[in-house]
Amino acid sequence: MAEKLPYLAGYGIITKALEKIKSAATPERFTQDFLATKLSLKGGSARPVIPLLKRIGFLGTDGVPTERYKQFRNPANAGSAAAAALKQGYKPLYDRNEYAHDLSDKDLKGLIVEATGIAPEASTIKSILGSFKALKAFAKFDGEEEVIEAREEELVGEREEEKKPEALRLGLSYTINLNLPATSDISVFNAIFKSLREHLLR
């Protein structure tokens, strides 16, 4: 059975819309007026943005922003929210390959052709592929954020270690060579060692 996948013919608008969503305040309802006035995305090419946002779970059927929309605006959750949106909007692709986002353009195009039944040369295939990749650019999948965060913590730790001054180690040693006189008088030696003890070995 042929599946329908969301796409915008001018898929570059997806990137613009998502970037602006991050910086604009969350509206009570996401309307064409909000799109044109607050996000400055006007004209016919921007109109399909709202249906797309509904397909990927950013908006409810009534245009009200969902929790996923709000999570996407939080830098800490933006990547996982976009990944969930991608998996929802392009579910037929993920039903066929759970790692659709890791496929090469060639293999992803083949998967789209398989799911939709559309001719490979059709412009729609290019638009679906471009729309998928535009959304994927914002996504972080399981493990990716943790690896990045772990590496960042490791680098911070390394920088802190570099800042620590090396412990100063000061060691002194000395050698004393004595040329003792040739004498059998023990008092001479006692006087010499007494003097050493009093003046050098304190």
Protein backbone atom coordinates (compact mmCIF):
# COMPACT_ATOMS: atom_id res chain seq x y z
CA MET A 1 0.00 0.00 0.00
CA ALA A 2 1.38 3.40 -1.05
CA GLU A 3 2.04 5.74 1.86
CA LYS A 4 1.80 9.54 1.96
CA LEU A 5 4.78 11.35 3.43
CA PRO A 6 4.85 15.02 4.43
CA TYR A 7 6.88 17.43 2.35
CA LEU A 8 7.21 21.01 1.20
CA ALA A 9 8.19 21.72 -2.39
CA GLY A 10 10.30 24.60 -1.10
CA TYR A 11 11.73 22.61 1.81
CA GLY A 12 14.22 25.35 2.71
CA ILE A 13 11.33 27.06 4.48
CA ILE A 14 11.28 24.21 7.03
CA THR A 15 14.72 25.24 8.31
CA LYS A 16 13.68 28.88 8.54
CA ALA A 17 10.43 28.04 10.35
CA LEU A 18 12.10 25.81 12.93
CA GLU A 19 14.83 28.35 13.64
CA LYS A 20 12.25 31.09 14.16
CA ILE A 21 10.07 28.84 16.36
CA LYS A 22 13.02 28.54 18.73
CA SER A 23 13.34 32.28 19.20
CA ALA A 24 9.68 33.39 19.09
CA ALA A 25 7.34 33.12 22.07
CA THR A 26 4.97 30.15 22.02
CA PRO A 27 1.55 31.30 20.73
CA GLU A 28 -1.78 30.14 22.07
CA ARG A 29 -2.57 28.99 18.54
CA PHE A 30 -0.18 28.72 15.63
CA THR A 31 -2.00 30.45 12.77
CA GLN A 32 -1.13 31.81 9.35
CA ASP A 33 -1.14 35.28 10.92
CA PHE A 34 1.41 34.14 13.51
CA LEU A 35 3.49 32.58 10.74
CA ALA A 36 3.44 35.75 8.65
CA THR A 37 3.60 38.39 11.40
CA LYS A 38 5.68 36.89 14.21
CA LEU A 39 7.88 34.55 12.19
CA SER A 40 8.02 36.77 9.08
CA LEU A 41 7.28 33.81 6.81
CA LYS A 42 4.86 35.06 4.21
CA GLY A 43 3.51 33.97 0.87
CA GLY A 44 2.37 30.73 -0.67
CA SER A 45 5.59 28.84 0.05
CA ALA A 46 5.06 29.30 3.81
CA ARG A 47 1.42 28.16 3.95
CA PRO A 48 2.21 24.41 3.98
CA VAL A 49 4.33 24.86 7.13
CA ILE A 50 1.31 24.52 9.45
CA PRO A 51 0.05 21.22 7.99
CA LEU A 52 3.61 19.89 8.23
CA LEU A 53 3.91 20.93 11.89
CA LYS A 54 0.67 19.07 12.58
CA ARG A 55 1.94 15.94 10.85
CA ILE A 56 5.11 15.85 12.92
CA GLY A 57 3.31 16.47 16.22
CA PHE A 58 4.37 20.06 16.88
CA LEU A 59 0.78 21.28 16.63
CA GLY A 60 -2.56 19.75 17.52
CA THR A 61 -5.31 19.57 14.92
CA ASP A 62 -6.61 22.89 16.29
CA GLY A 63 -3.24 24.58 15.80
CA VAL A 64 -2.39 24.66 19.51
CA PRO A 65 1.34 24.01 20.16
CA THR A 66 1.96 20.61 21.78
CA GLU A 67 4.42 19.60 24.48
CA ARG A 68 6.79 18.51 21.72
CA TYR A 69 6.70 22.04 20.30
CA LYS A 70 7.58 23.43 23.74
CA GLN A 71 10.33 20.86 24.26
CA PHE A 72 11.83 21.81 20.89
CA ARG A 73 12.20 25.39 22.13
CA ASN A 74 14.28 24.16 25.07
CA PRO A 75 17.91 23.78 23.88
CA ALA A 76 18.37 20.80 26.21
CA ASN A 77 15.45 18.89 24.61
CA ALA A 78 15.39 20.30 21.08
CA GLY A 79 17.32 17.43 19.49
CA SER A 80 15.21 14.65 21.00
CA ALA A 81 11.97 16.54 20.21
CA ALA A 82 12.99 16.90 16.56
CA ALA A 83 13.94 13.21 16.43
CA ALA A 84 10.51 12.20 17.78
CA ALA A 85 8.87 14.53 15.24
CA LEU A 86 10.85 12.96 12.41
CA LYS A 87 9.86 9.46 13.48
CA GLN A 88 6.20 10.41 13.72
CA GLY A 89 5.99 12.31 10.45
CA TYR A 90 7.92 9.71 8.49
CA LYS A 91 6.67 6.62 10.28
CA PRO A 92 6.29 4.57 7.06
CA LEU A 93 10.04 4.96 6.49
CA TYR A 94 10.87 3.98 10.06
CA ASP A 95 8.54 0.98 9.82
CA ARG A 96 10.79 -0.22 7.02
CA ASN A 97 14.11 0.79 8.59
CA GLU A 98 14.38 2.00 12.18
CA TYR A 99 17.62 3.76 11.29
CA ALA A 100 16.24 5.66 8.31
CA HIS A 101 18.03 8.79 9.52
CA ASP A 102 21.41 7.07 9.11
CA LEU A 103 20.86 6.07 5.47
CA SER A 104 22.76 7.64 2.60
CA ASP A 105 20.78 9.92 0.29
CA LYS A 106 20.68 7.15 -2.30
CA ASP A 107 19.33 4.54 0.11
CA LEU A 108 16.91 6.99 1.70
CA LYS A 109 15.56 7.91 -1.72
CA GLY A 110 15.07 4.21 -2.46
CA LEU A 111 13.18 3.81 0.81
CA ILE A 112 10.94 6.77 -0.06
CA VAL A 113 10.23 5.31 -3.50
CA GLU A 114 9.40 1.98 -1.89
CA ALA A 115 7.05 3.53 0.67
CA THR A 116 5.23 5.94 -1.63
CA GLY A 117 5.17 4.06 -4.92
CA ILE A 118 6.09 7.30 -6.71
CA ALA A 119 8.41 7.20 -9.72
CA PRO A 120 12.07 7.80 -8.71
CA GLU A 121 12.41 10.69 -11.15
CA ALA A 122 9.36 12.56 -9.81
CA SER A 123 10.00 15.98 -8.25
CA THR A 124 7.92 14.87 -5.26
CA ILE A 125 10.61 12.35 -4.29
CA LYS A 126 13.21 15.12 -4.20
CA SER A 127 10.90 17.29 -2.08
CA ILE A 128 10.23 14.48 0.41
CA LEU A 129 13.94 13.73 0.67
CA GLY A 130 14.78 17.43 1.16
CA SER A 131 12.02 17.89 3.75
CA PHE A 132 13.19 14.82 5.69
CA LYS A 133 16.78 16.07 5.73
CA ALA A 134 15.76 19.62 6.75
CA LEU A 135 14.00 18.26 9.84
CA LYS A 136 16.73 15.68 10.51
CA ALA A 137 19.30 18.50 10.74
CA PHE A 138 17.70 19.52 14.06
CA ALA A 139 17.41 15.98 15.44
CA LYS A 140 19.57 14.11 17.94
CA PHE A 141 18.88 10.42 18.34
CA ASP A 142 19.39 8.09 21.32
CA GLY A 143 22.92 8.27 22.66
CA GLU A 144 24.12 11.14 20.49
CA GLU A 145 23.49 13.91 23.02
CA GLU A 146 24.92 11.83 25.87
CA VAL A 147 28.15 11.23 23.93
CA ILE A 148 28.49 14.92 23.15
CA GLU A 149 27.79 15.92 26.76
CA ALA A 150 30.24 13.32 28.09
CA ARG A 151 32.98 14.58 25.79
CA GLU A 152 32.28 18.18 26.80
CA GLU A 153 32.60 17.20 30.47
CA GLU A 154 35.83 15.38 29.69
CA LEU A 155 37.26 18.46 27.96
CA VAL A 156 36.26 20.67 30.89
CA GLY A 157 38.01 18.26 33.24
CA GLU A 158 41.14 18.33 31.09
CA ARG A 159 41.14 22.13 31.06
CA GLU A 160 40.78 22.21 34.85
CA GLU A 161 43.72 19.84 35.23
CA GLU A 162 45.81 22.07 32.95
CA LYS A 163 45.03 25.06 35.16
CA LYS A 164 46.34 23.36 38.31
CA PRO A 165 49.96 24.40 39.07
CA GLU A 166 52.39 21.56 39.32
CA ALA A 167 53.43 20.81 42.89
CA LEU A 168 56.76 22.38 43.70
CA ARG A 169 59.26 19.81 44.87
CA LEU A 170 62.44 21.22 46.48
CA GLY A 171 65.06 18.77 47.65
CA LEU A 172 68.49 19.67 49.07
CA SER A 173 71.44 17.40 49.60
CA TYR A 174 75.07 18.07 50.29
CA THR A 175 78.30 16.15 50.55
CA ILE A 176 81.15 17.04 52.91
CA ASN A 177 84.63 15.83 52.22
CA LEU A 178 87.01 15.90 55.17
CA ASN A 179 90.72 15.72 55.01
CA LEU A 180 91.65 14.55 58.48
CA PRO A 181 95.08 15.14 59.88
CA ALA A 182 97.36 12.18 60.41
CA THR A 183 97.18 11.91 64.17
CA SER A 184 96.39 9.34 66.80
CA ASP A 185 95.08 11.93 69.22
CA ILE A 186 91.36 11.21 69.54
CA SER A 187 90.69 14.64 70.97
CA VAL A 188 91.57 16.19 67.60
CA PHE A 189 88.85 14.15 65.87
CA ASN A 190 86.34 14.93 68.62
CA ALA A 191 86.98 18.64 68.21
CA ILE A 192 86.53 18.44 64.42
CA PHE A 193 83.22 16.53 64.59
CA LYS A 194 81.95 18.72 67.43
CA SER A 195 82.57 21.77 65.27
CA LEU A 196 80.79 20.15 62.30
CA ARG A 197 77.81 19.28 64.44
CA GLU A 198 77.53 22.78 65.84
CA HIS A 199 78.01 24.74 62.62
CA LEU A 200 76.91 22.59 59.66
CA LEU A 201 74.60 19.81 60.76
CA ARG A 202 71.88 21.81 62.53
